Amino acid sequence: MPDKTVIFIEPAGSKANVFDNYMKLPLLGSLYLGTILHNAGYTVKIINENILGRKISPFELNADYLCMSCLTLTSNRAKEIMIKAREIFPDIKIIAGGIHPSLLPDDFISLADHIVIGEAETIIIDVIEGKYAEKIIEGRRIEDLDDLPLINYRLLQGCETMDVIPVMTSRGCPFDCNFCTVTKVFGKKFRMQSVERIMAELKNALTYFSTNRIFFYDDNFTASKKRANEIMDSIIKENINIYWGAQTRVDISHDEKMLAKMYQAGCGKVYIGFESIDDKTLAAFHKAQTRNDIEKAIDIIHKYGINIHGMFMLGEDNDTLENIDATRDFAIQQGINTVQFMIMTPFPGTQLYEKLSSENRFLHGDWDYYDGMHVVYKPKNMSPLELQQASIKCYKGFYSFERVLQESLYAIFNIIHDALLWDFKNVASYDSYTFFVRVGARYIISRHIKLSRAYYRYLSSFS
């Protein structure tokens, strides 16, 4: 049995990214890798700063190996941890991985002993055992995802505080959106776990937690309609009691029988990247959808009792201040349940990043602000500050006090009504996530504005 300790770290983003402070879900890569090493006899700890609700002390990193997994927006914090860990524990071996190191390995070349690009499950034991001499190591994609171990969630410190369980059943995406990092890291081939394995994943996850709320991390849970239908059939047949959400696309509305099954199987919300209501912008994003497709999808999904979290991206070169306002109005008129109005963000390795780089349109390279909440490039039809203010205006309009009050009163009325009748069959429809997002969104945006005032002043220097 190896007498070695391995610590995985998932750092928090900057304080300016207020939504990061409310995300209490871990990345699954560290959980899979940690489980593999734990099963091989290593002592493993997985630390997620958001889940712990604090920044870890470097003195907590007394281990043989430190594995750092980070996104672009958490990469600065990752470097800070790595530097301090090396100062205090000079013999520690540091391995960097995750999306940002995979897309921009040179960012960590001076800090890490090894940088693993892409998927690491098939090589992690060899990396830890020192079988690679090279600095940058190419991972290998797993062709059969059923070979992954069932996750040991107990390796994650603070996991008992999570009220949503993350599960992933596929990797890769057959689409080619120009702003997305998924195909760069996981490829365009859509790889899927078997339905039998997915049932095992769900049953395993439920043994670790008291909640039955599941979020499927798949980038497109319904990319295979056949598989999605089979998953729903199995959940219903095996009477697996879960309340879940998943990311999908507007084409989910093409299979209404599947939508009915999804609701029956416990689906409460789908997360859809609408991105824009302008067909030219959608074409520029390579989204393979139109505004008409979006409108039809919203109507059909709602018809089956499933809530929608719509994600819009503001600031593409076809955007104007007028059609950004129209996007907010569209979200309200269409009855989308919750929204994100994210500022277009060019992540390293994407087509969008290469385009803006070639046009010399970046304002800076401080990764703390590459979070979808801050403008980091020069838009075409407005100033950076105007785009920043337009995104805030969208949030304030959608989550206005009047709308929040109306929704709150409606939810309270329904709960009291059911209590008086002693009929709680609709309790699952009281989507607490939606309720708290609507109630708390104005506070979150206000806090974002307060923390970003210096950045707004910086943006005002650009015409």
Protein backbone atom coordinates (compact mmCIF):
# COMPACT_ATOMS: atom_id res chain seq x y z
CA MET A 1 0.00 0.00 0.00
CA PRO A 2 1.46 3.42 -0.94
CA ASP A 3 2.34 5.47 2.14
CA LYS A 4 1.75 8.78 0.39
CA THR A 5 -0.67 11.68 0.84
CA VAL A 6 -2.26 13.49 -2.11
CA ILE A 7 -4.22 16.73 -1.73
CA PHE A 8 -6.45 18.03 -4.51
CA ILE A 9 -7.29 21.73 -4.44
CA GLU A 10 -10.10 23.58 -6.21
CA PRO A 11 -9.46 27.28 -5.52
CA ALA A 12 -12.09 29.99 -5.23
CA GLY A 13 -12.35 32.87 -7.66
CA SER A 14 -11.90 36.53 -6.79
CA LYS A 15 -14.32 38.38 -4.54
CA ALA A 16 -15.53 40.40 -7.51
CA ASN A 17 -17.14 37.28 -8.94
CA VAL A 18 -19.99 37.19 -6.45
CA PHE A 19 -21.72 34.20 -8.05
CA ASP A 20 -18.63 32.11 -7.36
CA ASN A 21 -19.31 32.56 -3.64
CA TYR A 22 -22.71 30.89 -4.04
CA MET A 23 -21.54 27.93 -6.10
CA LYS A 24 -21.16 25.03 -3.68
CA LEU A 25 -20.53 22.31 -6.24
CA PRO A 26 -17.14 20.69 -6.87
CA LEU A 27 -15.54 19.86 -10.19
CA LEU A 28 -15.92 16.14 -10.78
CA GLY A 29 -12.43 15.66 -12.23
CA SER A 30 -10.82 15.90 -8.79
CA LEU A 31 -13.40 13.50 -7.32
CA TYR A 32 -12.74 10.87 -9.98
CA LEU A 33 -8.96 11.22 -9.71
CA GLY A 34 -9.09 11.22 -5.92
CA THR A 35 -11.25 8.10 -5.89
CA ILE A 36 -8.83 6.31 -8.24
CA LEU A 37 -5.88 7.12 -5.99
CA HIS A 38 -7.82 6.30 -2.82
CA ASN A 39 -8.75 2.91 -4.28
CA ALA A 40 -5.05 2.38 -5.08
CA GLY A 41 -4.13 2.92 -1.42
CA TYR A 42 -3.15 6.59 -1.29
CA THR A 43 -4.35 8.93 1.44
CA VAL A 44 -6.45 11.50 -0.38
CA LYS A 45 -8.00 14.83 0.59
CA ILE A 46 -10.03 17.01 -1.78
CA ILE A 47 -10.40 20.65 -0.76
CA ASN A 48 -12.79 23.06 -2.49
CA GLU A 49 -12.52 26.58 -1.09
CA ASN A 50 -16.07 27.51 -2.10
CA ILE A 51 -17.51 24.50 -0.29
CA LEU A 52 -15.43 25.22 2.82
CA GLY A 53 -16.44 28.88 2.63
CA ARG A 54 -12.91 30.10 3.31
CA LYS A 55 -9.44 30.35 1.86
CA ILE A 56 -7.27 27.51 3.00
CA SER A 57 -4.00 28.12 4.84
CA PRO A 58 -0.87 26.89 3.03
CA PHE A 59 0.04 25.07 6.26
CA GLU A 60 -2.90 22.73 5.49
CA LEU A 61 -1.00 21.46 2.45
CA ASN A 62 1.42 19.15 4.22
CA ALA A 63 1.37 16.32 1.68
CA ASP A 64 3.58 14.44 -0.73
CA TYR A 65 1.62 15.65 -3.76
CA LEU A 66 -0.48 18.74 -4.43
CA CYS A 67 -2.84 18.45 -7.39
CA MET A 68 -4.25 21.80 -8.49
CA SER A 69 -7.42 21.82 -10.61
CA CYS A 70 -8.56 25.21 -11.82
CA LEU A 71 -10.66 27.18 -14.26
CA THR A 72 -9.51 30.38 -15.92
CA LEU A 73 -11.22 32.56 -13.32
CA THR A 74 -9.60 30.63 -10.43
CA SER A 75 -6.11 30.37 -11.95
CA ASN A 76 -4.64 33.39 -10.14
CA ARG A 77 -5.68 31.96 -6.79
CA ALA A 78 -4.28 28.59 -7.87
CA LYS A 79 -0.88 30.15 -8.54
CA GLU A 80 -0.93 31.89 -5.17
CA ILE A 81 -1.57 28.58 -3.39
CA MET A 82 1.13 26.80 -5.37
CA ILE A 83 3.75 29.44 -4.59
CA LYS A 84 3.00 29.42 -0.86
CA ALA A 85 2.90 25.62 -0.72
CA ARG A 86 6.33 25.42 -2.33
CA GLU A 87 7.77 27.99 0.10
CA ILE A 88 6.54 26.09 3.17
CA PHE A 89 6.96 22.52 1.86
CA PRO A 90 9.88 22.68 -0.64
CA ASP A 91 9.80 18.92 -1.31
CA ILE A 92 6.12 18.77 -2.28
CA LYS A 93 5.39 17.65 -5.84
CA ILE A 94 2.92 19.96 -7.59
CA ILE A 95 0.74 18.83 -10.47
CA ALA A 96 -1.51 21.28 -12.34
CA GLY A 97 -4.57 20.20 -14.30
CA GLY A 98 -8.07 21.17 -15.23
CA ILE A 99 -9.47 23.35 -17.98
CA HIS A 100 -7.18 26.40 -17.72
CA PRO A 101 -3.87 24.51 -17.46
CA SER A 102 -5.05 22.29 -20.33
CA LEU A 103 -5.72 25.30 -22.54
CA LEU A 104 -2.79 27.43 -21.41
CA PRO A 105 -0.08 25.19 -19.89
CA ASP A 106 2.58 27.88 -20.15
CA ASP A 107 0.72 29.77 -17.42
CA PHE A 108 1.94 27.17 -14.90
CA ILE A 109 5.23 26.10 -16.42
CA SER A 110 7.37 27.75 -13.72
CA LEU A 111 5.21 26.64 -10.78
CA ALA A 112 4.33 22.98 -11.35
CA ASP A 113 6.44 19.86 -11.58
CA HIS A 114 3.97 18.50 -14.13
CA ILE A 115 1.05 19.91 -16.11
CA VAL A 116 -1.53 17.38 -17.28
CA ILE A 117 -3.48 18.37 -20.36
CA GLY A 118 -6.97 16.95 -20.79
CA GLU A 119 -8.35 13.88 -19.06
CA ALA A 120 -6.06 12.31 -16.48
CA GLU A 121 -7.95 9.29 -15.10
CA THR A 122 -5.99 6.70 -17.10
CA ILE A 123 -2.57 8.16 -16.20
CA ILE A 124 -2.94 9.70 -12.73
CA ILE A 125 -1.35 6.78 -10.88
CA ASP A 126 1.64 6.78 -13.25
CA VAL A 127 2.01 10.56 -12.83
CA ILE A 128 1.98 10.28 -9.04
CA GLU A 129 4.44 7.37 -9.15
CA GLY A 130 6.90 9.49 -11.16
CA LYS A 131 6.79 7.49 -14.40
CA TYR A 132 6.73 10.65 -16.54
CA ALA A 133 9.86 12.77 -16.98
CA GLU A 134 8.33 15.45 -19.20
CA LYS A 135 6.94 18.66 -17.76
CA ILE A 136 3.79 18.73 -19.89
CA ILE A 137 1.92 15.44 -20.03
CA GLU A 138 -0.82 14.70 -22.54
CA GLY A 139 -3.76 12.93 -20.93
CA ARG A 140 -5.76 10.25 -22.71
CA ARG A 141 -9.50 10.40 -23.26
CA ILE A 142 -11.46 7.54 -21.76
CA GLU A 143 -13.38 5.79 -24.50
CA ASP A 144 -15.54 3.71 -22.16
CA LEU A 145 -16.82 5.94 -19.35
CA ASP A 146 -18.16 2.88 -17.55
CA ASP A 147 -14.51 2.24 -16.59
CA LEU A 148 -14.58 5.24 -14.24
CA PRO A 149 -14.94 4.37 -10.53
CA LEU A 150 -18.04 5.17 -8.54
CA ILE A 151 -17.16 8.42 -6.77
CA ASN A 152 -16.21 8.44 -3.10
CA TYR A 153 -17.75 11.81 -2.14
CA ARG A 154 -16.42 11.49 1.43
CA LEU A 155 -12.96 12.41 0.15
CA LEU A 156 -14.28 15.95 -0.35
CA GLN A 157 -13.96 18.03 2.81
CA GLY A 158 -17.25 19.69 3.73
CA CYS A 159 -19.31 17.53 1.40
CA GLU A 160 -21.95 17.21 4.11
CA THR A 161 -22.84 20.88 3.54
CA MET A 162 -23.82 20.33 -0.10
CA ASP A 163 -27.53 20.40 -0.87
CA VAL A 164 -27.17 19.41 -4.54
CA ILE A 165 -25.31 16.31 -5.73
CA PRO A 166 -23.23 16.60 -8.94
CA VAL A 167 -23.32 13.65 -11.35
CA MET A 168 -21.82 13.40 -14.84
CA THR A 169 -22.88 10.75 -17.36
CA SER A 170 -21.15 11.87 -20.58
CA ARG A 171 -18.22 13.82 -21.98
CA GLY A 172 -17.65 15.73 -25.18
CA CYS A 173 -20.01 17.74 -27.36
CA PRO A 174 -20.81 17.29 -31.07
CA PHE A 175 -21.43 21.03 -31.52
CA ASP A 176 -18.82 23.72 -32.15
CA CYS A 177 -19.79 26.95 -30.36
CA ASN A 178 -16.96 29.45 -30.91
CA PHE A 179 -16.82 30.56 -27.25
CA CYS A 180 -16.82 27.11 -25.61
CA THR A 181 -13.88 25.24 -24.09
CA VAL A 182 -15.62 21.84 -23.91
CA THR A 183 -14.56 20.49 -27.29
CA LYS A 184 -10.98 21.64 -26.69
CA VAL A 185 -10.70 19.60 -23.49
CA PHE A 186 -13.15 16.72 -24.00
CA GLY A 187 -13.43 16.57 -27.79
CA LYS A 188 -16.37 16.64 -30.21
CA LYS A 189 -17.07 12.92 -29.87
CA PHE A 190 -20.00 12.42 -27.50
CA ARG A 191 -19.01 9.63 -25.09
CA MET A 192 -21.70 8.19 -22.85
CA GLN A 193 -22.00 5.95 -19.84
CA SER A 194 -24.38 3.05 -20.22
CA VAL A 195 -27.84 3.41 -18.73
CA GLU A 196 -27.04 0.64 -16.23
CA ARG A 197 -23.95 2.50 -15.10
CA ILE A 198 -25.89 5.76 -14.74
CA MET A 199 -28.37 4.05 -12.42
CA ALA A 200 -25.42 2.81 -10.36
CA GLU A 201 -23.99 6.37 -10.29
CA LEU A 202 -27.27 7.75 -8.97
CA LYS A 203 -27.73 5.05 -6.35
CA ASN A 204 -24.12 5.47 -5.21
CA ALA A 205 -24.44 9.27 -4.94
CA LEU A 206 -27.64 9.05 -2.92
CA THR A 207 -25.92 6.89 -0.27
CA TYR A 208 -23.63 9.82 0.65
CA PHE A 209 -26.19 12.59 1.09
CA SER A 210 -29.53 13.27 2.74
CA THR A 211 -30.70 15.36 -0.22
CA ASN A 212 -32.17 13.87 -3.39
CA ARG A 213 -31.44 16.92 -5.54
CA ILE A 214 -29.21 16.04 -8.49
CA PHE A 215 -27.49 18.27 -11.03
CA PHE A 216 -26.22 16.49 -14.13
CA TYR A 217 -22.94 18.15 -15.15
CA ASP A 218 -23.13 16.90 -18.73
CA ASP A 219 -22.61 19.73 -21.20
CA ASN A 220 -25.60 18.44 -23.16
CA PHE A 221 -27.52 15.80 -21.20
CA THR A 222 -29.90 15.08 -24.09
CA ALA A 223 -27.38 15.06 -26.96
CA SER A 224 -28.54 11.49 -27.58
CA LYS A 225 -32.33 11.48 -27.41
CA LYS A 226 -32.36 7.67 -27.48
CA ARG A 227 -30.12 7.45 -24.44
CA ALA A 228 -32.02 10.19 -22.61
CA ASN A 229 -35.29 8.34 -23.12
CA GLU A 230 -33.71 5.13 -21.81
CA ILE A 231 -32.40 6.96 -18.72
CA MET A 232 -35.87 8.32 -17.98
CA ASP A 233 -37.42 4.89 -18.47
CA SER A 234 -34.95 3.37 -15.99
CA ILE A 235 -35.41 6.10 -13.36
CA ILE A 236 -39.18 5.62 -13.55
CA LYS A 237 -39.02 1.82 -13.62
CA GLU A 238 -36.60 1.59 -10.68
CA ASN A 239 -38.53 4.29 -8.79
CA ILE A 240 -35.40 6.34 -8.09
CA ASN A 241 -36.68 9.33 -6.16
CA ILE A 242 -34.68 12.34 -7.35
CA TYR A 243 -35.41 15.97 -8.18
CA TRP A 244 -32.96 17.06 -10.82
CA GLY A 245 -31.75 19.58 -13.38
CA ALA A 246 -29.48 19.31 -16.40
CA GLN A 247 -27.91 21.35 -19.17
CA THR A 248 -29.43 20.85 -22.58
CA ARG A 249 -30.22 22.62 -25.87
CA VAL A 250 -33.38 23.97 -27.50
CA ASP A 251 -33.67 20.81 -29.60
CA ILE A 252 -34.96 19.06 -26.49
CA SER A 253 -38.38 20.37 -27.53
CA HIS A 254 -38.35 18.13 -30.62
CA ASP A 255 -39.15 15.09 -28.46
CA GLU A 256 -42.24 15.85 -26.40
CA LYS A 257 -42.57 12.25 -25.20
CA MET A 258 -39.10 12.59 -23.68
CA LEU A 259 -40.07 15.85 -21.97
CA ALA A 260 -43.08 14.14 -20.42
CA LYS A 261 -40.81 11.35 -19.19
CA MET A 262 -38.29 13.84 -17.83
CA TYR A 263 -40.95 15.51 -15.71
CA GLN A 264 -42.22 12.14 -14.50
CA ALA A 265 -38.64 11.14 -13.64
CA GLY A 266 -38.16 14.21 -11.44
CA CYS A 267 -36.77 16.88 -13.75
CA GLY A 268 -37.54 20.28 -12.26
CA LYS A 269 -35.36 22.55 -14.37
CA VAL A 270 -33.31 22.59 -17.56
CA TYR A 271 -30.39 24.97 -18.13
CA ILE A 272 -30.26 26.17 -21.73
CA GLY A 273 -27.68 28.36 -23.42
CA PHE A 274 -29.97 30.51 -25.56
CA GLU A 275 -27.08 33.01 -25.86
CA SER A 276 -28.98 35.51 -28.03
CA ILE A 277 -32.32 36.31 -29.64
CA ASP A 278 -30.60 37.74 -32.74
CA ASP A 279 -30.17 35.25 -35.59
CA LYS A 280 -26.97 36.92 -36.84
CA THR A 281 -25.42 36.65 -33.39
CA LEU A 282 -26.50 33.01 -33.06
CA ALA A 283 -24.88 32.25 -36.42
CA ALA A 284 -21.68 33.98 -35.31
CA PHE A 285 -21.65 31.84 -32.17
CA HIS A 286 -22.14 28.68 -34.31
CA LYS A 287 -25.15 27.82 -32.14
CA ALA A 288 -27.13 25.98 -34.86
CA GLN A 289 -30.40 27.49 -33.60
CA THR A 290 -32.63 30.49 -34.33
CA ARG A 291 -34.83 32.83 -32.31
CA ASN A 292 -37.84 30.94 -33.60
CA ASP A 293 -36.34 27.70 -32.27
CA ILE A 294 -35.87 29.35 -28.86
CA GLU A 295 -39.45 30.62 -28.67
CA LYS A 296 -40.90 27.24 -29.60
CA ALA A 297 -38.65 25.44 -27.11
CA ILE A 298 -39.69 27.69 -24.21
CA ASP A 299 -43.39 27.12 -24.90
CA ILE A 300 -43.07 23.35 -25.24
CA ILE A 301 -40.79 22.83 -22.22
CA HIS A 302 -43.07 24.88 -20.00
CA LYS A 303 -46.07 22.92 -21.27
CA TYR A 304 -44.60 19.86 -19.55
CA GLY A 305 -44.11 21.61 -16.19
CA ILE A 306 -40.33 21.99 -16.41
CA ASN A 307 -38.70 25.28 -15.38
CA ILE A 308 -36.08 26.96 -17.54
CA HIS A 309 -32.85 28.66 -16.55
CA GLY A 310 -31.96 30.70 -19.63
CA MET A 311 -28.38 31.73 -20.25
CA PHE A 312 -27.73 34.71 -22.52
CA MET A 313 -24.40 36.11 -23.68
CA LEU A 314 -24.10 39.84 -24.24
CA GLY A 315 -21.53 41.75 -26.29
CA GLU A 316 -21.06 39.82 -29.54
CA ASP A 317 -20.09 42.04 -32.47
CA ASN A 318 -23.68 42.17 -33.79
CA ASP A 319 -25.03 43.33 -30.42
CA THR A 320 -26.20 46.88 -29.77
CA LEU A 321 -27.46 48.48 -26.58
CA GLU A 322 -30.96 48.33 -28.07
CA ASN A 323 -30.98 44.58 -28.71
CA ILE A 324 -29.44 43.90 -25.29
CA ASP A 325 -32.45 45.68 -23.77
CA ALA A 326 -34.67 43.62 -26.07
CA THR A 327 -33.04 40.44 -24.74
CA ARG A 328 -34.07 41.33 -21.20
CA ASP A 329 -37.63 42.11 -22.35
CA PHE A 330 -37.75 38.83 -24.27
CA ALA A 331 -36.75 36.83 -21.18
CA ILE A 332 -39.53 38.50 -19.17
CA GLN A 333 -42.20 38.18 -21.86
CA GLN A 334 -41.40 34.53 -22.54
CA GLY A 335 -41.74 33.66 -18.86
CA ILE A 336 -38.25 32.21 -18.46
CA ASN A 337 -37.98 31.23 -14.79
CA THR A 338 -34.43 32.34 -14.01
CA VAL A 339 -31.69 33.84 -16.17
CA GLN A 340 -28.03 34.69 -16.47
CA PHE A 341 -27.04 37.66 -18.61
CA MET A 342 -23.39 36.85 -18.99
CA ILE A 343 -20.91 39.14 -20.71
CA MET A 344 -19.21 37.40 -23.62
CA THR A 345 -15.88 36.12 -22.30
CA PRO A 346 -13.06 34.91 -24.57
CA PHE A 347 -11.46 31.95 -22.80
CA PRO A 348 -7.99 30.79 -23.88
CA GLY A 349 -8.04 28.10 -26.54
CA THR A 350 -11.41 29.06 -28.02
CA GLN A 351 -12.08 30.39 -31.51
CA LEU A 352 -13.41 33.56 -29.92
CA TYR A 353 -10.17 34.10 -28.00
CA GLU A 354 -8.09 33.69 -31.15
CA LYS A 355 -10.32 36.12 -33.06
CA LEU A 356 -10.18 38.89 -30.47
CA SER A 357 -6.46 38.34 -29.94
CA SER A 358 -5.77 38.71 -33.67
CA GLU A 359 -7.79 41.96 -33.63
CA ASN A 360 -5.90 43.28 -30.56
CA ARG A 361 -9.14 43.85 -28.67
CA PHE A 362 -8.27 42.60 -25.18
CA LEU A 363 -8.28 45.14 -22.37
CA HIS A 364 -5.99 43.06 -20.12
CA GLY A 365 -5.03 39.51 -19.20
CA ASP A 366 -6.02 39.45 -15.53
CA TRP A 367 -7.82 36.09 -15.27
CA ASP A 368 -9.71 37.16 -12.12
CA TYR A 369 -12.10 39.06 -14.38
CA TYR A 370 -12.64 36.35 -16.99
CA ASP A 371 -15.84 35.27 -15.27
CA GLY A 372 -18.72 36.40 -17.46
CA MET A 373 -19.43 39.28 -15.07
CA HIS A 374 -16.79 41.73 -16.28
CA VAL A 375 -15.96 43.17 -19.71
CA VAL A 376 -12.42 42.18 -20.70
CA TYR A 377 -12.36 43.21 -24.39
CA LYS A 378 -13.40 46.10 -26.63
CA PRO A 379 -16.96 45.60 -27.98
CA LYS A 380 -17.75 46.83 -31.49
CA ASN A 381 -20.96 48.82 -31.03
CA MET A 382 -20.53 50.27 -27.54
CA SER A 383 -17.84 51.12 -25.04
CA PRO A 384 -16.67 48.53 -22.48
CA LEU A 385 -18.37 50.50 -19.69
CA GLU A 386 -21.64 50.70 -21.65
CA LEU A 387 -21.64 46.92 -22.07
CA GLN A 388 -20.90 46.45 -18.38
CA GLN A 389 -23.77 48.75 -17.42
CA ALA A 390 -26.11 47.08 -19.93
CA SER A 391 -25.58 43.68 -18.32
CA ILE A 392 -26.39 45.10 -14.89
CA LYS A 393 -29.48 46.80 -16.31
CA CYS A 394 -30.66 43.42 -17.66
CA TYR A 395 -30.31 41.76 -14.27
CA LYS A 396 -32.04 44.60 -12.45
CA GLY A 397 -34.90 44.60 -14.95
CA PHE A 398 -35.48 40.85 -14.86
CA TYR A 399 -35.11 40.58 -11.08
CA SER A 400 -36.96 43.81 -10.33
CA PHE A 401 -38.40 44.30 -6.85
CA GLU A 402 -41.94 44.18 -8.24
CA ARG A 403 -41.38 40.87 -10.02
CA VAL A 404 -39.63 39.32 -7.02
CA LEU A 405 -42.46 40.42 -4.71
CA GLN A 406 -45.10 39.04 -7.07
CA GLU A 407 -43.36 35.68 -7.38
CA SER A 408 -42.76 35.45 -3.63
CA LEU A 409 -46.40 36.13 -2.82
CA TYR A 410 -47.51 33.61 -5.42
CA ALA A 411 -45.29 30.88 -3.93
CA ILE A 412 -46.43 31.66 -0.38
CA PHE A 413 -50.09 31.57 -1.46
CA ASN A 414 -49.68 28.14 -3.05
CA ILE A 415 -47.90 26.71 -0.02
CA ILE A 416 -50.61 28.03 2.35
CA HIS A 417 -53.33 26.79 0.01
CA ASP A 418 -51.88 23.26 -0.04
CA ALA A 419 -51.37 23.32 3.73
CA LEU A 420 -55.02 24.23 4.34
CA LEU A 421 -56.13 21.39 2.07
CA TRP A 422 -53.48 19.07 3.54
CA ASP A 423 -52.53 18.27 -0.03
CA PHE A 424 -48.78 18.41 -0.66
CA LYS A 425 -48.60 16.54 -3.94
CA ASN A 426 -47.31 19.72 -5.65
CA VAL A 427 -44.51 20.29 -3.15
CA ALA A 428 -41.86 19.31 -5.71
CA SER A 429 -42.98 22.22 -7.87
CA TYR A 430 -41.96 24.70 -5.17
CA ASP A 431 -38.53 25.08 -6.71
CA SER A 432 -36.60 26.53 -3.78
CA TYR A 433 -33.62 27.23 -6.02
CA THR A 434 -35.75 29.41 -8.29
CA PHE A 435 -37.38 31.09 -5.31
CA PHE A 436 -34.10 31.98 -3.60
CA VAL A 437 -32.46 33.07 -6.84
CA ARG A 438 -35.28 35.51 -7.50
CA VAL A 439 -35.35 36.80 -3.95
CA GLY A 440 -31.58 37.07 -3.61
CA ALA A 441 -30.58 38.18 -7.10
CA ARG A 442 -30.95 41.89 -6.43
CA TYR A 443 -28.69 41.60 -3.38
CA ILE A 444 -26.14 39.62 -5.35
CA ILE A 445 -26.06 42.18 -8.16
CA SER A 446 -25.81 45.06 -5.68
CA ARG A 447 -22.87 43.34 -4.03
CA HIS A 448 -21.25 42.77 -7.43
CA ILE A 449 -21.56 46.49 -8.23
CA LYS A 450 -20.04 47.45 -4.87
CA LEU A 451 -17.07 45.11 -5.28
CA SER A 452 -16.51 46.17 -8.91
CA ARG A 453 -16.56 49.95 -8.57
CA ALA A 454 -12.81 50.24 -9.09
CA TYR A 455 -13.10 48.05 -12.19
CA TYR A 456 -15.89 50.25 -13.56
CA ARG A 457 -13.62 53.27 -13.14
CA TYR A 458 -10.98 51.36 -15.06
CA LEU A 459 -13.45 50.64 -17.88
CA SER A 460 -14.40 54.32 -18.07
CA SER A 461 -10.90 55.07 -19.37
CA PHE A 462 -11.76 53.30 -22.63
CA SER A 463 -13.89 55.19 -25.14
